[in-house]
């Protein structure tokens, strides 16, 4: 009986055989996710591997961009770490009505792209969704193929699929709808000073917190499947924020705005729940139920901007969006309408 009790020690509880089959680097990350120091010896004993194997896994974590610290006589630590993503915890946190719409949730340690992997699957039945997340994306991308930097534990790399019974007339506005839904979910978790930047960015304090990437697979008639990718910065750390700044993008993360490290599983559940509810409403009513919410959070309204697209660059004052989600730009030649493009804020002109 005594041996049976010892076999159920705290570090072994809740670890099915599937846990032991996970890559060692993922298991070491899970051990360090409490933010405390763990010696190499303790990690090796807990995971049933050699100290040399632990050291190699730690090196792999650092190579992936994890802000890991090593202190002599104390061990290894991931400061500001967030709990690992776990499919069961996400499902448990989903609102009941939306949880019934999710047929599958997968969390992988590393993938090239969560969007690409979902696009390779068959379409889910209309009204249901499959959810896929990765701790590390080797080819994560934003609009126009830009790389998305996401160290282990520092971000949310989320994709989910949805099948419309037929292609919505206002499909081009779907990114705005998803932005509104993500903003609602984050505000419900106490995230302050959020805005939306056309066409697909979430901002906090004027800096990029996340983005949306939507990809479509559809026939000329019949059902249309969209794969919606959402990337959110959670706890990037100074070095990654600096690397992003070097690309010309001012970034923000949730950890800098909240009093305690955010639980990524709860945030994922909230975002997915809001988005699935929003997708059902969008399928019925289009952009109409969301447009005023988007306008209220518009980060560009009234500001001088430049819009770059396939036909060149135009400058003027951003005048919000129309009923179909297109950006309205007031120029010297009159108001121009853009359904796609990249927007940069220009210095205000003084007269």
Protein backbone atom coordinates (compact mmCIF):
# COMPACT_ATOMS: atom_id res chain seq x y z
CA UNK A 1 0.00 0.00 0.00
CA UNK A 2 2.84 2.34 0.82
CA UNK A 3 4.32 1.92 -2.68
CA UNK A 4 0.96 2.66 -4.25
CA UNK A 5 0.77 5.96 -2.39
CA UNK A 6 4.27 6.87 -3.48
CA UNK A 7 3.37 6.17 -7.11
CA UNK A 8 0.72 8.88 -6.87
CA UNK A 9 3.17 11.63 -5.88
CA UNK A 10 2.06 15.15 -6.91
CA UNK A 11 4.39 15.45 -9.88
CA UNK A 12 3.00 12.24 -11.37
CA UNK A 13 -0.69 12.94 -10.92
CA UNK A 14 -2.72 13.64 -14.03
CA UNK A 15 -0.01 12.38 -16.37
CA UNK A 16 -1.41 9.71 -18.68
CA UNK A 17 0.83 7.66 -20.94
CA UNK A 18 0.35 10.29 -23.63
CA UNK A 19 2.22 12.79 -21.45
CA UNK A 20 5.32 10.59 -21.34
CA UNK A 21 5.16 10.29 -25.13
CA UNK A 22 5.43 14.06 -25.56
CA UNK A 23 8.78 15.54 -26.66
CA UNK A 24 11.10 16.03 -23.72
CA UNK A 25 11.48 19.74 -24.48
CA UNK A 26 7.70 20.12 -24.09
CA UNK A 27 7.74 18.22 -20.79
CA UNK A 28 10.60 20.35 -19.43
CA UNK A 29 8.70 23.46 -20.47
CA UNK A 30 5.64 22.23 -18.55
CA UNK A 31 7.76 21.69 -15.42
CA UNK A 32 9.20 25.22 -15.65
CA UNK A 33 5.86 26.88 -16.39
CA UNK A 34 5.24 27.64 -12.71
CA UNK A 35 7.92 30.36 -12.93
CA UNK A 36 10.03 28.91 -10.11
CA UNK A 37 13.54 27.48 -10.07
CA UNK A 38 14.03 23.76 -10.72
CA UNK A 39 17.39 22.06 -10.49
CA UNK A 40 18.56 19.84 -13.30
CA UNK A 41 18.65 16.94 -10.86
CA UNK A 42 15.04 17.50 -9.76
CA UNK A 43 13.86 17.80 -13.35
CA UNK A 44 15.66 14.61 -14.34
CA UNK A 45 14.16 12.72 -11.41
CA UNK A 46 10.64 14.01 -12.06
CA UNK A 47 10.76 13.26 -15.78
CA UNK A 48 12.62 9.97 -15.53
CA UNK A 49 15.52 11.02 -17.77
CA UNK A 50 19.19 11.87 -17.39
CA UNK A 51 20.49 15.30 -16.41
CA UNK A 52 22.25 15.43 -19.78
CA UNK A 53 18.88 14.98 -21.51
CA UNK A 54 17.42 17.80 -19.40
CA UNK A 55 20.34 20.06 -20.33
CA UNK A 56 19.78 19.38 -24.04
CA UNK A 57 16.05 20.15 -23.68
CA UNK A 58 16.87 23.40 -21.88
CA UNK A 59 19.20 24.38 -24.74
CA UNK A 60 16.43 23.60 -27.22
CA UNK A 61 14.02 25.82 -25.29
CA UNK A 62 16.48 28.71 -25.34
CA UNK A 63 17.02 28.22 -29.08
CA UNK A 64 13.26 28.59 -29.56
CA UNK A 65 13.36 31.98 -27.87
CA UNK A 66 12.18 31.07 -24.37
CA UNK A 67 13.55 33.62 -21.82
CA UNK A 68 15.06 30.86 -19.73
CA UNK A 69 17.43 31.67 -16.87
CA UNK A 70 20.06 29.35 -15.39
CA UNK A 71 21.48 30.18 -11.94
CA UNK A 72 24.23 28.16 -10.29
CA UNK A 73 23.02 26.11 -7.29
CA UNK A 74 19.39 27.06 -8.02
CA UNK A 75 18.68 25.59 -11.43
CA UNK A 76 16.51 26.74 -14.32
CA UNK A 77 13.66 29.22 -14.36
CA UNK A 78 11.19 30.69 -16.86
CA UNK A 79 10.34 34.12 -15.39
CA UNK A 80 6.85 35.32 -16.18
CA UNK A 81 5.92 31.89 -17.50
CA UNK A 82 2.33 31.02 -18.36
CA UNK A 83 0.65 27.62 -17.93
CA UNK A 84 1.04 25.23 -20.88
CA UNK A 85 -1.81 25.03 -23.36
CA UNK A 86 -3.95 21.96 -22.67
CA UNK A 87 -6.89 20.83 -24.80
CA UNK A 88 -8.85 19.49 -21.82
CA UNK A 89 -8.55 22.73 -19.88
CA UNK A 90 -9.64 24.76 -22.90
CA UNK A 91 -12.68 22.57 -23.44
CA UNK A 92 -13.60 22.77 -19.77
CA UNK A 93 -13.46 26.58 -19.89
CA UNK A 94 -15.57 26.91 -23.05
CA UNK A 95 -19.12 28.20 -22.58
CA UNK A 96 -21.51 25.24 -22.81
CA UNK A 97 -23.36 26.50 -25.89
CA UNK A 98 -20.12 27.05 -27.82
CA UNK A 99 -18.41 23.95 -26.50
CA UNK A 100 -21.07 21.83 -28.19
CA UNK A 101 -19.98 23.36 -31.52
CA UNK A 102 -16.34 22.33 -31.09
CA UNK A 103 -15.82 18.79 -32.37
CA UNK A 104 -12.07 18.65 -31.80
CA UNK A 105 -9.31 20.55 -29.97
CA UNK A 106 -5.65 19.74 -30.55
CA UNK A 107 -2.59 21.30 -28.95
CA UNK A 108 0.76 20.54 -30.59
CA UNK A 109 4.20 21.44 -29.35
CA UNK A 110 5.51 22.57 -32.72
CA UNK A 111 3.95 23.04 -36.15
CA UNK A 112 4.85 24.91 -39.28
CA UNK A 113 1.51 26.77 -39.27
CA UNK A 114 -1.75 26.03 -37.48
CA UNK A 115 -3.67 27.58 -40.39
CA UNK A 116 -1.93 25.38 -42.96
CA UNK A 117 -2.56 22.22 -40.94
CA UNK A 118 -6.27 22.94 -40.60
CA UNK A 119 -6.55 23.79 -44.28
CA UNK A 120 -5.17 20.33 -45.04
CA UNK A 121 -8.05 18.67 -43.16
CA UNK A 122 -11.52 17.95 -44.44
CA UNK A 123 -14.17 20.60 -43.83
CA UNK A 124 -15.98 20.26 -40.50
CA UNK A 125 -19.76 19.89 -40.77
CA UNK A 126 -21.63 23.23 -40.99
CA UNK A 127 -22.15 24.75 -37.55
CA UNK A 128 -19.16 22.97 -35.99
CA UNK A 129 -15.51 23.84 -35.56
CA UNK A 130 -12.11 22.25 -35.12
CA UNK A 131 -9.53 24.08 -33.00
CA UNK A 132 -5.77 23.75 -33.32
CA UNK A 133 -3.02 25.42 -31.29
CA UNK A 134 0.76 25.21 -31.16
CA UNK A 135 3.23 26.33 -28.56
CA UNK A 136 5.77 26.94 -31.33
CA UNK A 137 5.15 27.82 -34.98
CA UNK A 138 8.14 27.46 -37.26
CA UNK A 139 6.40 29.18 -40.18
CA UNK A 140 3.76 31.25 -38.42
CA UNK A 141 2.67 34.14 -40.58
CA UNK A 142 0.56 37.23 -40.64
CA UNK A 143 -0.73 39.20 -43.60
CA UNK A 144 1.38 39.14 -46.77
CA UNK A 145 3.49 36.27 -45.38
CA UNK A 146 5.09 38.25 -42.56
CA UNK A 147 6.67 36.08 -39.87
CA UNK A 148 4.94 35.88 -36.50
CA UNK A 149 7.43 35.65 -33.61
CA UNK A 150 6.11 33.40 -30.83
CA UNK A 151 8.43 31.91 -28.16
CA UNK A 152 7.17 28.93 -26.14
CA UNK A 153 4.62 30.09 -23.58
CA UNK A 154 4.78 33.68 -24.76
CA UNK A 155 1.95 33.75 -27.26
CA UNK A 156 -1.28 32.18 -28.38
CA UNK A 157 -1.05 30.65 -31.86
CA UNK A 158 -4.63 29.65 -32.53
CA UNK A 159 -6.57 28.50 -35.58
CA UNK A 160 -10.11 27.22 -35.91
CA UNK A 161 -12.20 26.18 -38.86
CA UNK A 162 -15.82 26.90 -39.69
CA UNK A 163 -17.97 25.79 -42.61
CA UNK A 164 -20.61 28.13 -43.99
CA UNK A 165 -23.48 26.47 -45.83
CA UNK A 166 -22.79 28.90 -48.67
CA UNK A 167 -20.30 31.71 -49.24
CA UNK A 168 -21.47 34.80 -47.27
CA UNK A 169 -22.05 37.91 -49.36
CA UNK A 170 -19.93 40.00 -46.99
CA UNK A 171 -17.11 37.48 -46.57
CA UNK A 172 -14.52 40.25 -46.96
CA UNK A 173 -15.75 41.76 -43.68
CA UNK A 174 -15.23 38.58 -41.67
CA UNK A 175 -11.85 39.74 -40.35
CA UNK A 176 -13.55 42.77 -38.79
CA UNK A 177 -16.12 40.52 -37.11
CA UNK A 178 -13.40 38.29 -35.66
CA UNK A 179 -11.57 41.38 -34.41
CA UNK A 180 -14.69 42.55 -32.56
CA UNK A 181 -15.18 39.09 -31.04
CA UNK A 182 -11.55 38.83 -29.88
CA UNK A 183 -11.74 42.33 -28.41
CA UNK A 184 -14.88 41.40 -26.43
CA UNK A 185 -13.22 38.26 -25.05
CA UNK A 186 -10.10 40.14 -23.95
CA UNK A 187 -12.07 42.96 -22.35
CA UNK A 188 -14.01 40.36 -20.36
CA UNK A 189 -10.63 39.24 -18.97
CA UNK A 190 -9.78 42.77 -17.86
CA UNK A 191 -7.48 43.76 -20.71
CA UNK A 192 -7.63 47.59 -20.95
CA UNK A 193 -7.14 50.18 -23.70
CA UNK A 194 -7.91 47.92 -26.65
CA UNK A 195 -8.52 49.14 -30.18
CA UNK A 196 -8.97 47.67 -33.65
CA UNK A 197 -6.90 48.70 -36.66
CA UNK A 198 -8.28 48.03 -40.12
CA UNK A 199 -8.16 45.46 -41.53
CA UNK A 200 -7.09 42.87 -38.97
CA UNK A 201 -4.97 44.11 -36.05
CA UNK A 202 -5.71 44.28 -32.33
CA UNK A 203 -3.92 47.11 -30.56
CA UNK A 204 -3.28 47.91 -26.92
CA UNK A 205 -2.00 51.38 -26.08
CA UNK A 206 -1.48 51.91 -29.81
CA UNK A 207 0.86 48.92 -30.13
CA UNK A 208 0.17 45.62 -31.84
CA UNK A 209 -1.21 42.98 -29.49
CA UNK A 210 -2.40 40.50 -32.08
CA UNK A 211 -3.68 39.88 -35.55
CA UNK A 212 -6.14 37.87 -37.58
CA UNK A 213 -5.46 35.83 -40.73
CA UNK A 214 -8.40 34.28 -42.59
CA UNK A 215 -8.03 31.75 -45.38
CA UNK A 216 -10.86 30.36 -47.50
CA UNK A 217 -11.46 27.03 -49.17
CA UNK A 218 -14.61 27.02 -51.27
CA UNK A 219 -16.20 25.63 -54.41
CA UNK A 220 -17.99 27.81 -56.95
CA UNK A 221 -21.26 26.71 -55.34
CA UNK A 222 -22.05 25.09 -52.02
CA UNK A 223 -20.29 25.14 -48.65
CA UNK A 224 -17.31 27.37 -47.89
CA UNK A 225 -14.78 26.57 -45.17
CA UNK A 226 -12.79 29.34 -43.53
CA UNK A 227 -9.74 28.80 -41.35
CA UNK A 228 -9.31 31.67 -38.94
CA UNK A 229 -5.91 32.25 -37.42
CA UNK A 230 -5.49 34.48 -34.37
CA UNK A 231 -2.12 35.35 -32.90
CA UNK A 232 -1.95 37.07 -29.51
CA UNK A 233 1.12 38.28 -27.64
CA UNK A 234 0.85 37.07 -24.05
CA UNK A 235 4.24 37.29 -22.31
CA UNK A 236 6.98 37.91 -24.86
CA UNK A 237 9.72 39.34 -22.69
CA UNK A 238 12.01 42.26 -23.44
CA UNK A 239 14.24 40.47 -25.96
CA UNK A 240 11.39 39.33 -28.22
CA UNK A 241 9.64 42.70 -27.97
CA UNK A 242 12.94 44.26 -29.01
CA UNK A 243 13.28 41.87 -31.97
CA UNK A 244 9.78 42.79 -33.13
CA UNK A 245 10.54 46.50 -32.72
CA UNK A 246 13.59 46.02 -34.96
CA UNK A 247 11.20 45.03 -37.78
CA UNK A 248 9.45 48.39 -37.43
CA UNK A 249 6.43 47.14 -35.47
CA UNK A 250 5.67 48.41 -31.96
CA UNK A 251 4.31 45.39 -30.07
CA UNK A 252 2.55 44.90 -26.75
CA UNK A 253 1.71 41.84 -24.67
CA UNK A 254 -0.99 40.94 -22.16
CA UNK A 255 1.43 40.40 -19.29
CA UNK A 256 2.36 44.08 -19.25
CA UNK A 257 -1.29 45.12 -18.84
CA UNK A 258 -2.56 42.63 -16.27
CA UNK A 259 -1.77 42.36 -12.57
CA UNK A 260 -1.10 38.64 -12.80
CA UNK A 261 0.15 36.38 -15.61
CA UNK A 262 -2.82 35.50 -17.82
CA UNK A 263 -4.08 31.94 -18.08
CA UNK A 264 -3.78 31.20 -21.78
CA UNK A 265 -6.22 28.29 -21.64
CA UNK A 266 -8.96 30.55 -20.29
CA UNK A 267 -8.18 33.24 -22.87
CA UNK A 268 -8.28 30.74 -25.72
CA UNK A 269 -11.64 29.41 -24.51
CA UNK A 270 -13.05 32.93 -24.24
CA UNK A 271 -11.81 33.95 -27.70
CA UNK A 272 -13.03 30.77 -29.38
CA UNK A 273 -16.41 31.00 -27.63
CA UNK A 274 -16.95 34.61 -28.68
CA UNK A 275 -15.82 33.93 -32.23
CA UNK A 276 -18.07 30.90 -32.72
CA UNK A 277 -21.04 32.86 -31.46
CA UNK A 278 -20.03 35.69 -33.79
CA UNK A 279 -19.68 33.36 -36.79
CA UNK A 280 -23.20 32.07 -36.30
CA UNK A 281 -24.51 35.65 -36.13
CA UNK A 282 -22.45 36.69 -39.16
CA UNK A 283 -23.88 33.81 -41.17
CA UNK A 284 -27.40 35.01 -40.36
CA UNK A 285 -26.98 38.81 -40.49
CA UNK A 286 -23.62 39.71 -41.99
CA UNK A 287 -21.62 42.66 -40.62
CA UNK A 288 -24.63 44.61 -39.36
CA UNK A 289 -24.61 43.39 -35.69
CA UNK A 290 -20.89 44.21 -35.38
CA UNK A 291 -20.33 47.42 -37.29
CA UNK A 292 -21.01 49.90 -34.46
CA UNK A 293 -18.81 47.90 -32.08
CA UNK A 294 -16.02 48.02 -34.63
CA UNK A 295 -16.44 51.76 -35.22
CA UNK A 296 -16.33 52.42 -31.47
CA UNK A 297 -12.93 50.69 -31.29
CA UNK A 298 -11.53 52.14 -34.55
CA UNK A 299 -7.90 53.16 -33.94
CA UNK A 300 -7.61 55.04 -37.24
CA UNK A 301 -10.74 57.22 -37.27
CA UNK A 302 -9.87 60.79 -38.27
CA UNK A 303 -6.13 60.14 -38.48
CA UNK A 304 -3.85 60.83 -41.45
CA UNK A 305 -2.87 57.50 -42.99
CA UNK A 306 -1.32 55.94 -46.06
CA UNK A 307 -2.98 52.89 -47.61
CA UNK A 308 -0.82 50.61 -49.76
CA UNK A 309 -2.43 48.14 -52.10
CA UNK A 310 -2.13 46.49 -55.49
CA UNK A 311 -2.78 49.80 -57.24
CA UNK A 312 -0.22 51.84 -55.34
CA UNK A 313 -0.38 54.08 -52.26
CA UNK A 314 -2.98 56.69 -51.34
CA UNK A 315 -2.85 59.21 -48.50
CA UNK A 316 -5.62 60.97 -46.65
CA UNK A 317 -7.76 60.93 -43.52
CA UNK A 318 -9.28 57.63 -42.36
CA UNK A 319 -13.06 58.00 -42.18
CA UNK A 320 -14.04 54.64 -40.75
CA UNK A 321 -15.65 51.75 -42.61
CA UNK A 322 -18.74 51.42 -44.75
CA UNK A 323 -21.56 48.90 -44.37
CA UNK A 324 -19.49 46.24 -46.17
CA UNK A 325 -16.32 46.70 -44.10
CA UNK A 326 -14.31 48.68 -46.65
CA UNK A 327 -12.00 51.43 -45.38
CA UNK A 328 -13.03 54.95 -46.36
CA UNK A 329 -10.19 57.34 -47.08
CA UNK A 330 -10.78 61.08 -47.56
CA UNK A 331 -8.28 62.33 -50.14
CA UNK A 332 -7.92 65.50 -52.20
CA UNK A 333 -9.69 63.68 -55.03
CA UNK A 334 -12.60 62.71 -52.79
CA UNK A 335 -13.45 59.68 -50.65
CA UNK A 336 -11.82 56.44 -51.81
CA UNK A 337 -12.89 52.97 -50.79
CA UNK A 338 -10.45 50.13 -50.00
CA UNK A 339 -11.43 46.50 -49.51
CA UNK A 340 -7.83 45.41 -48.79
CA UNK A 341 -4.43 46.95 -48.21
CA UNK A 342 -1.86 47.85 -45.57
CA UNK A 343 -2.34 51.00 -43.49
CA UNK A 344 0.31 53.13 -41.80
CA UNK A 345 -0.36 56.20 -39.72
CA UNK A 346 1.26 59.37 -41.08
CA UNK A 347 2.45 62.39 -39.09
CA UNK A 348 -0.29 64.99 -38.67
CA UNK A 349 0.08 67.97 -41.00
CA UNK A 350 0.09 71.32 -39.22
CA UNK A 351 -1.17 74.41 -41.00
